[in-house]
Amino acid sequence: MVTGLSQALIWVSVVAALWAVVLVVANRPLRPDRTSGLAYLGLLALIEVGLLVQAVLGFVKLAGADHPVPGVTYGGYLLGALLILPIAVFWSLAERTRWGTAVLVVGALVVPVLIVRLGQVWTRG
């Protein structure tokens, strides 16, 4: 685990979740045709790039681990973290109501949980 990257991903994901909560409360679906919608999608893309970097580094560290780490579990969390945001965005864009935006809240909050769990799997391995 790269601690600095993990911490940054956790905090940026929490900010993304809070932004989505504001959209839910305001009853505004994600609109990619507006500047705010594009900015939000840009933030999610930034998180996704960070998760991709984390996945690559995580698999490299897993290959050279000097202690036993459950590889399937660790890899599953790395890949799951990569998949959650694209699925949430797709769902949100397909569901044009407040609840579609609420899916973004859940998706953005799942990312920090998966990152924390990655750290636990790595250290307890």
N, C-alpha and C. Protein backbone atom coordinates (compact mmCIF):
# COMPACT_ATOMS: atom_id res chain seq x y z
N MET A 1 0.84 -1.18 0.00
CA MET A 1 0.00 0.00 0.00
C MET A 1 0.89 1.25 0.00
N VAL A 2 0.50 2.20 -0.79
CA VAL A 2 1.16 3.50 -0.81
C VAL A 2 0.32 4.42 0.08
N THR A 3 0.84 4.71 1.26
CA THR A 3 0.06 5.41 2.28
C THR A 3 -0.42 6.77 1.80
N GLY A 4 0.46 7.56 1.21
CA GLY A 4 0.07 8.90 0.76
C GLY A 4 -1.03 8.87 -0.28
N LEU A 5 -0.91 7.96 -1.25
CA LEU A 5 -1.93 7.82 -2.28
C LEU A 5 -3.24 7.33 -1.68
N SER A 6 -3.16 6.38 -0.78
CA SER A 6 -4.37 5.86 -0.14
C SER A 6 -5.10 6.95 0.63
N GLN A 7 -4.35 7.73 1.40
CA GLN A 7 -4.97 8.81 2.17
C GLN A 7 -5.61 9.86 1.25
N ALA A 8 -4.92 10.21 0.18
CA ALA A 8 -5.46 11.19 -0.77
C ALA A 8 -6.74 10.65 -1.41
N LEU A 9 -6.74 9.38 -1.80
CA LEU A 9 -7.94 8.80 -2.40
C LEU A 9 -9.10 8.77 -1.42
N ILE A 10 -8.81 8.47 -0.18
CA ILE A 10 -9.87 8.45 0.84
C ILE A 10 -10.51 9.83 0.97
N TRP A 11 -9.68 10.86 1.12
CA TRP A 11 -10.22 12.20 1.34
C TRP A 11 -10.92 12.77 0.11
N VAL A 12 -10.37 12.53 -1.06
CA VAL A 12 -11.02 13.02 -2.28
C VAL A 12 -12.34 12.29 -2.51
N SER A 13 -12.39 11.01 -2.18
CA SER A 13 -13.64 10.26 -2.30
C SER A 13 -14.70 10.77 -1.33
N VAL A 14 -14.28 11.13 -0.13
CA VAL A 14 -15.23 11.70 0.84
C VAL A 14 -15.76 13.04 0.33
N VAL A 15 -14.89 13.85 -0.25
CA VAL A 15 -15.34 15.13 -0.84
C VAL A 15 -16.34 14.86 -1.96
N ALA A 16 -16.07 13.88 -2.81
CA ALA A 16 -17.00 13.52 -3.89
C ALA A 16 -18.34 13.06 -3.32
N ALA A 17 -18.30 12.31 -2.24
CA ALA A 17 -19.55 11.86 -1.62
C ALA A 17 -20.33 13.04 -1.05
N LEU A 18 -19.65 13.97 -0.41
CA LEU A 18 -20.32 15.15 0.13
C LEU A 18 -20.94 16.00 -0.98
N TRP A 19 -20.23 16.14 -2.07
CA TRP A 19 -20.75 16.87 -3.22
C TRP A 19 -22.02 16.21 -3.73
N ALA A 20 -22.01 14.88 -3.81
CA ALA A 20 -23.19 14.15 -4.26
C ALA A 20 -24.34 14.28 -3.26
N VAL A 21 -24.02 14.34 -1.97
CA VAL A 21 -25.08 14.56 -0.96
C VAL A 21 -25.76 15.90 -1.20
N VAL A 22 -24.97 16.92 -1.51
CA VAL A 22 -25.55 18.24 -1.81
C VAL A 22 -26.48 18.14 -3.01
N LEU A 23 -26.08 17.39 -4.03
CA LEU A 23 -26.95 17.21 -5.19
C LEU A 23 -28.23 16.47 -4.84
N VAL A 24 -28.12 15.46 -3.98
CA VAL A 24 -29.31 14.71 -3.56
C VAL A 24 -30.26 15.62 -2.79
N VAL A 25 -29.73 16.39 -1.84
CA VAL A 25 -30.57 17.28 -1.03
C VAL A 25 -31.24 18.33 -1.92
N ALA A 26 -30.50 18.83 -2.92
CA ALA A 26 -31.06 19.83 -3.83
C ALA A 26 -31.95 19.20 -4.90
N ASN A 27 -32.06 17.88 -4.88
CA ASN A 27 -32.88 17.14 -5.84
C ASN A 27 -32.43 17.43 -7.28
N ARG A 28 -31.11 17.42 -7.49
CA ARG A 28 -30.54 17.67 -8.81
C ARG A 28 -29.79 16.43 -9.28
N PRO A 29 -30.22 15.84 -10.39
CA PRO A 29 -29.46 14.71 -10.92
C PRO A 29 -28.15 15.19 -11.52
N LEU A 30 -27.24 14.25 -11.71
CA LEU A 30 -25.96 14.56 -12.35
C LEU A 30 -26.23 14.93 -13.80
N ARG A 31 -25.79 16.12 -14.20
CA ARG A 31 -26.01 16.61 -15.57
C ARG A 31 -24.66 16.87 -16.23
N PRO A 32 -24.21 15.95 -17.09
CA PRO A 32 -22.91 16.15 -17.74
C PRO A 32 -22.90 17.31 -18.73
N ASP A 33 -24.07 17.84 -19.08
CA ASP A 33 -24.12 18.97 -20.00
C ASP A 33 -23.93 20.31 -19.29
N ARG A 34 -23.82 20.30 -17.97
CA ARG A 34 -23.56 21.52 -17.19
C ARG A 34 -22.12 21.51 -16.68
N THR A 35 -21.61 22.69 -16.38
CA THR A 35 -20.24 22.81 -15.90
C THR A 35 -20.05 22.07 -14.59
N SER A 36 -21.03 22.18 -13.69
CA SER A 36 -20.89 21.50 -12.40
C SER A 36 -20.88 19.98 -12.57
N GLY A 37 -21.68 19.49 -13.52
CA GLY A 37 -21.69 18.05 -13.78
C GLY A 37 -20.38 17.57 -14.36
N LEU A 38 -19.81 18.36 -15.27
CA LEU A 38 -18.51 18.00 -15.84
C LEU A 38 -17.42 18.06 -14.78
N ALA A 39 -17.50 19.06 -13.91
CA ALA A 39 -16.50 19.16 -12.83
C ALA A 39 -16.59 17.95 -11.91
N TYR A 40 -17.81 17.53 -11.60
CA TYR A 40 -17.98 16.36 -10.73
C TYR A 40 -17.45 15.10 -11.42
N LEU A 41 -17.77 14.94 -12.69
CA LEU A 41 -17.26 13.78 -13.42
C LEU A 41 -15.73 13.83 -13.52
N GLY A 42 -15.17 15.03 -13.63
CA GLY A 42 -13.72 15.18 -13.62
C GLY A 42 -13.11 14.74 -12.30
N LEU A 43 -13.78 15.09 -11.19
CA LEU A 43 -13.32 14.66 -9.88
C LEU A 43 -13.36 13.14 -9.77
N LEU A 44 -14.43 12.54 -10.25
CA LEU A 44 -14.53 11.08 -10.23
C LEU A 44 -13.47 10.44 -11.13
N ALA A 45 -13.19 11.08 -12.26
CA ALA A 45 -12.13 10.57 -13.15
C ALA A 45 -10.77 10.64 -12.47
N LEU A 46 -10.54 11.72 -11.74
CA LEU A 46 -9.29 11.85 -10.98
C LEU A 46 -9.15 10.73 -9.95
N ILE A 47 -10.23 10.45 -9.26
CA ILE A 47 -10.23 9.34 -8.29
C ILE A 47 -9.95 8.03 -9.01
N GLU A 48 -10.58 7.84 -10.16
CA GLU A 48 -10.41 6.59 -10.89
C GLU A 48 -8.96 6.41 -11.37
N VAL A 49 -8.32 7.49 -11.80
CA VAL A 49 -6.91 7.41 -12.20
C VAL A 49 -6.06 7.04 -10.98
N GLY A 50 -6.35 7.65 -9.84
CA GLY A 50 -5.64 7.31 -8.61
C GLY A 50 -5.83 5.85 -8.24
N LEU A 51 -7.05 5.35 -8.42
CA LEU A 51 -7.32 3.94 -8.11
C LEU A 51 -6.59 3.01 -9.09
N LEU A 52 -6.47 3.44 -10.34
CA LEU A 52 -5.73 2.65 -11.31
C LEU A 52 -4.25 2.59 -10.94
N VAL A 53 -3.68 3.72 -10.54
CA VAL A 53 -2.29 3.75 -10.09
C VAL A 53 -2.13 2.85 -8.87
N GLN A 54 -3.08 2.95 -7.94
CA GLN A 54 -3.02 2.12 -6.74
C GLN A 54 -3.10 0.64 -7.09
N ALA A 55 -3.94 0.29 -8.06
CA ALA A 55 -4.06 -1.11 -8.45
C ALA A 55 -2.75 -1.63 -9.05
N VAL A 56 -2.15 -0.85 -9.93
CA VAL A 56 -0.89 -1.27 -10.55
C VAL A 56 0.18 -1.44 -9.48
N LEU A 57 0.33 -0.42 -8.62
CA LEU A 57 1.33 -0.51 -7.55
C LEU A 57 1.01 -1.64 -6.58
N GLY A 58 -0.27 -1.84 -6.32
CA GLY A 58 -0.67 -2.91 -5.40
C GLY A 58 -0.32 -4.29 -5.92
N PHE A 59 -0.56 -4.51 -7.22
CA PHE A 59 -0.21 -5.81 -7.79
C PHE A 59 1.30 -6.00 -7.85
N VAL A 60 2.04 -4.92 -8.12
CA VAL A 60 3.50 -5.01 -8.11
C VAL A 60 4.00 -5.36 -6.71
N LYS A 61 3.44 -4.67 -5.70
CA LYS A 61 3.86 -4.96 -4.31
C LYS A 61 3.45 -6.37 -3.90
N LEU A 62 2.30 -6.83 -4.38
CA LEU A 62 1.85 -8.17 -4.06
C LEU A 62 2.81 -9.22 -4.64
N ALA A 63 3.29 -8.98 -5.84
CA ALA A 63 4.22 -9.92 -6.48
C ALA A 63 5.54 -10.01 -5.71
N GLY A 64 5.94 -8.92 -5.06
CA GLY A 64 7.20 -8.93 -4.33
C GLY A 64 7.03 -8.90 -2.83
N ALA A 65 5.87 -9.31 -2.34
CA ALA A 65 5.60 -9.24 -0.89
C ALA A 65 6.54 -10.17 -0.13
N ASP A 66 7.07 -9.66 0.98
CA ASP A 66 7.97 -10.45 1.81
C ASP A 66 7.24 -11.12 2.97
N HIS A 67 5.94 -10.98 3.02
CA HIS A 67 5.14 -11.66 4.03
C HIS A 67 3.89 -12.23 3.34
N PRO A 68 3.28 -13.24 3.93
CA PRO A 68 2.13 -13.86 3.26
C PRO A 68 0.93 -12.91 3.22
N VAL A 69 0.42 -12.69 2.03
CA VAL A 69 -0.75 -11.85 1.82
C VAL A 69 -1.75 -12.68 1.02
N PRO A 70 -3.01 -12.71 1.45
CA PRO A 70 -4.01 -13.45 0.66
C PRO A 70 -4.23 -12.74 -0.69
N GLY A 71 -3.56 -13.23 -1.71
CA GLY A 71 -3.51 -12.57 -3.01
C GLY A 71 -4.86 -12.40 -3.68
N VAL A 72 -5.71 -13.42 -3.61
CA VAL A 72 -7.01 -13.33 -4.27
C VAL A 72 -7.86 -12.26 -3.59
N THR A 73 -7.85 -12.23 -2.29
CA THR A 73 -8.62 -11.22 -1.55
C THR A 73 -8.08 -9.83 -1.83
N TYR A 74 -6.77 -9.68 -1.76
CA TYR A 74 -6.14 -8.39 -2.00
C TYR A 74 -6.41 -7.91 -3.43
N GLY A 75 -6.24 -8.79 -4.39
CA GLY A 75 -6.52 -8.45 -5.79
C GLY A 75 -7.98 -8.13 -6.01
N GLY A 76 -8.85 -8.84 -5.34
CA GLY A 76 -10.28 -8.57 -5.46
C GLY A 76 -10.65 -7.18 -4.97
N TYR A 77 -10.05 -6.77 -3.86
CA TYR A 77 -10.30 -5.42 -3.36
C TYR A 77 -9.73 -4.36 -4.31
N LEU A 78 -8.56 -4.63 -4.87
CA LEU A 78 -7.98 -3.68 -5.83
C LEU A 78 -8.88 -3.53 -7.06
N LEU A 79 -9.34 -4.64 -7.60
CA LEU A 79 -10.21 -4.58 -8.78
C LEU A 79 -11.59 -4.04 -8.45
N GLY A 80 -12.11 -4.40 -7.28
CA GLY A 80 -13.42 -3.88 -6.87
C GLY A 80 -13.41 -2.37 -6.73
N ALA A 81 -12.33 -1.84 -6.18
CA ALA A 81 -12.21 -0.38 -6.04
C ALA A 81 -12.19 0.28 -7.42
N LEU A 82 -11.59 -0.38 -8.39
CA LEU A 82 -11.56 0.17 -9.75
C LEU A 82 -12.92 0.17 -10.41
N LEU A 83 -13.76 -0.80 -10.09
CA LEU A 83 -15.03 -0.95 -10.78
C LEU A 83 -16.18 -0.15 -10.18
N ILE A 84 -16.11 0.18 -8.91
CA ILE A 84 -17.27 0.74 -8.23
C ILE A 84 -17.70 2.10 -8.79
N LEU A 85 -16.77 3.00 -9.05
CA LEU A 85 -17.15 4.32 -9.54
C LEU A 85 -17.73 4.30 -10.96
N PRO A 86 -17.13 3.58 -11.92
CA PRO A 86 -17.77 3.54 -13.24
C PRO A 86 -19.18 2.96 -13.20
N ILE A 87 -19.39 1.96 -12.36
CA ILE A 87 -20.74 1.39 -12.23
C ILE A 87 -21.69 2.42 -11.63
N ALA A 88 -21.25 3.14 -10.60
CA ALA A 88 -22.10 4.15 -9.97
C ALA A 88 -22.43 5.28 -10.94
N VAL A 89 -21.45 5.72 -11.73
CA VAL A 89 -21.70 6.79 -12.71
C VAL A 89 -22.68 6.31 -13.76
N PHE A 90 -22.48 5.12 -14.28
CA PHE A 90 -23.40 4.57 -15.28
C PHE A 90 -24.82 4.51 -14.72
N TRP A 91 -24.96 4.00 -13.51
CA TRP A 91 -26.26 3.87 -12.87
C TRP A 91 -26.88 5.26 -12.67
N SER A 92 -26.08 6.21 -12.22
CA SER A 92 -26.58 7.55 -11.98
C SER A 92 -27.06 8.22 -13.27
N LEU A 93 -26.32 8.03 -14.35
CA LEU A 93 -26.72 8.63 -15.61
C LEU A 93 -27.94 7.94 -16.21
N ALA A 94 -28.13 6.66 -15.90
CA ALA A 94 -29.30 5.94 -16.38
C ALA A 94 -30.54 6.28 -15.56
N GLU A 95 -30.39 6.51 -14.29
CA GLU A 95 -31.48 6.84 -13.37
C GLU A 95 -31.46 8.34 -13.12
N ARG A 96 -32.29 9.07 -13.78
CA ARG A 96 -32.24 10.53 -13.77
C ARG A 96 -33.05 11.14 -12.62
N THR A 97 -33.11 10.49 -11.50
CA THR A 97 -33.82 11.03 -10.35
C THR A 97 -32.83 11.27 -9.22
N ARG A 98 -33.36 11.73 -8.09
CA ARG A 98 -32.55 11.94 -6.90
C ARG A 98 -31.84 10.66 -6.48
N TRP A 99 -32.49 9.53 -6.68
CA TRP A 99 -31.93 8.26 -6.23
C TRP A 99 -30.77 7.81 -7.11
N GLY A 100 -30.76 8.24 -8.35
CA GLY A 100 -29.59 7.98 -9.17
C GLY A 100 -28.37 8.71 -8.64
N THR A 101 -28.59 9.93 -8.17
CA THR A 101 -27.50 10.69 -7.57
C THR A 101 -27.09 10.07 -6.24
N ALA A 102 -28.04 9.51 -5.52
CA ALA A 102 -27.72 8.85 -4.25
C ALA A 102 -26.79 7.65 -4.47
N VAL A 103 -26.88 7.04 -5.63
CA VAL A 103 -25.97 5.94 -5.96
C VAL A 103 -24.54 6.44 -5.99
N LEU A 104 -24.33 7.69 -6.45
CA LEU A 104 -22.99 8.27 -6.44
C LEU A 104 -22.47 8.46 -5.03
N VAL A 105 -23.36 8.81 -4.10
CA VAL A 105 -22.95 8.93 -2.70
C VAL A 105 -22.43 7.59 -2.21
N VAL A 106 -23.21 6.56 -2.46
CA VAL A 106 -22.82 5.23 -2.00
C VAL A 106 -21.51 4.79 -2.68
N GLY A 107 -21.42 4.98 -3.99
CA GLY A 107 -20.22 4.59 -4.71
C GLY A 107 -18.98 5.31 -4.20
N ALA A 108 -19.12 6.62 -3.96
CA ALA A 108 -17.97 7.39 -3.48
C ALA A 108 -17.60 7.00 -2.06
N LEU A 109 -18.55 6.55 -1.25
CA LEU A 109 -18.24 6.13 0.11
C LEU A 109 -17.70 4.70 0.18
N VAL A 110 -18.00 3.91 -0.81
CA VAL A 110 -17.48 2.54 -0.84
C VAL A 110 -15.97 2.55 -1.10
N VAL A 111 -15.50 3.51 -1.89
CA VAL A 111 -14.07 3.58 -2.22
C VAL A 111 -13.20 3.67 -0.96
N PRO A 112 -13.47 4.61 -0.02
CA PRO A 112 -12.64 4.65 1.19
C PRO A 112 -12.71 3.36 2.01
N VAL A 113 -13.88 2.74 2.04
CA VAL A 113 -14.02 1.48 2.78
C VAL A 113 -13.12 0.41 2.17
N LEU A 114 -13.12 0.33 0.85
CA LEU A 114 -12.28 -0.66 0.18
C LEU A 114 -10.80 -0.37 0.39
N ILE A 115 -10.43 0.90 0.40
CA ILE A 115 -9.02 1.25 0.62
C ILE A 115 -8.58 0.89 2.03
N VAL A 116 -9.43 1.18 3.01
CA VAL A 116 -9.10 0.81 4.39
C VAL A 116 -8.99 -0.71 4.51
N ARG A 117 -9.90 -1.40 3.86
CA ARG A 117 -9.86 -2.87 3.90
C ARG A 117 -8.60 -3.42 3.23
N LEU A 118 -8.16 -2.76 2.15
CA LEU A 118 -6.89 -3.16 1.51
C LEU A 118 -5.74 -3.08 2.48
N GLY A 119 -5.69 -2.00 3.24
CA GLY A 119 -4.64 -1.84 4.24
C GLY A 119 -4.70 -2.92 5.30
N GLN A 120 -5.92 -3.30 5.70
CA GLN A 120 -6.06 -4.35 6.71
C GLN A 120 -5.61 -5.70 6.16
N VAL A 121 -5.99 -6.00 4.94
CA VAL A 121 -5.58 -7.28 4.34
C VAL A 121 -4.07 -7.33 4.19
N TRP A 122 -3.46 -6.20 3.78
CA TRP A 122 -2.02 -6.16 3.59
C TRP A 122 -1.26 -6.38 4.89
N THR A 123 -1.70 -5.71 5.96
CA THR A 123 -0.96 -5.80 7.21
C THR A 123 -1.23 -7.10 7.97
N ARG A 124 -2.39 -7.67 7.82
CA ARG A 124 -2.71 -8.91 8.54
C ARG A 124 -2.31 -10.14 7.79
N GLY A 125 -2.02 -9.97 6.47
CA GLY A 125 -1.67 -11.08 5.60
C GLY A 125 -0.90 -12.13 6.26
